[in-house]
Amino acid sequence: MDLHNRRVIEKMRSYNAYITKEGGTGIKPRGLIINYSNACNFNCQQCFTESPTKPLKGSLTLVEMKKLADEADALGMYEILIEGGEPLVSKEIYDLIQTFGSDRFYLEMTTNGYLLTPQVAKKLKEAGLSRVSISIDSMDPKVHDEYRGTPGAYEHAIKAMEYAKEAGMQVSVNFLVGHYNIHSGEIEQVCEFCQSRGYHIGLQTATPTGNWQGKFEIMTTPEDAAYLEEIRHKYKHVWRDIWPPLPNKKVAVSGCVAVNRPYINPYGDVLPCSYMHMKLGNIKEQSLKEILDIGFSYECFRNSHKKCYAAEDPEFMKQYCMHKMSILEPIDIKKVM
């Protein structure tokens, strides 16, 4: 990470020291994933949010986001990731970024890149965004466009990376990996592409949720995970959520970040992560700390788990996450666990 704000660095170091001492994630929250509207301009095969094409009614307000930001800062959280849907569909995206503030958080956004023009990139940077993560499904334009259900998606994504870099933001390419493609050679192609341009690489592991609910064959195996570790040491700036936030090879694997990096849906429901559609609470009704305490009351989230539950633990997913549930209609965790 390219970090310049002293306050953010201090919070990040505090988190890293904690997980190093505890040998895992423990109960110290790291950051938030925010799905502000869930509206999207694409129709992706692998979508885990089943995003609608229009904004939702009754969703969160910027006032509620300000309160959430204050609570997250007080808890020592250092990073905020804005997702969707497609965040750039929202007319309030710049206000949302400023509401959290780059003086308190490292601010990131995941996008398909289609709406990211040079002008948009400049405004995102001015609002305080530090990193743009752009999703790529294949270095073959035709394959990528088929996954995204949108002609020209690949071309726009590649240009968006250039625009974001020119605007002064860090660029990360999100690449979805699963048992179906992990040994296809595409990971290496993406890594080589990113290294030649100074981009970071985020390896997102496939989960049997959303449009892929019940497809356990896509999940990574222990052998697949070992291969990702090889990729991690072969190329620079490759990251996964379960790896430590600082590039220190002496630090143990951070482990599953469920609850440590919870997901907020457009209605204010708090989920353990993007792929576990279980409701811990709602920020309109409870404080963030109260909600996280509920999550950490479960042993599976309180203790370190070296695997990603959603992508690498099929037994966990079969037992807890195969009910009729979704990002927008999560099941109360007490009814599931």
Foldseek 3Di string as FASTA:
>chain_A
DDDDAPQLVVLQVVQLVVCLVQVANFQQAAAAEEAAFQAAPWDFLQDQFNGHPDGDPQFDDLVLLLQQLVLCLVSSHAAYEYEHNALVVDPCSLVSLLSNNLNRHQYEYEHLQQPQDLVNLLSNVVSRHAEYEHEAAFPPQVVRCVRGVHPPSVVRRVVNQVSNVVSPHAYEYEYEAFPVCLPVCRVVVVLVVCVVVVHAYEYHYGFCHDSNPPVLRRFHEPVSVVVVVVVPVVGPRYDYPQARPDPDPVGRGHAACFLSHWYQHRNQFIGSHQNAQAGQDGSVVDPSVVSSVSVCVDVVNNHGDSYHCRRYPVVSCVQAPNDPGGNVRGHHVVVRD
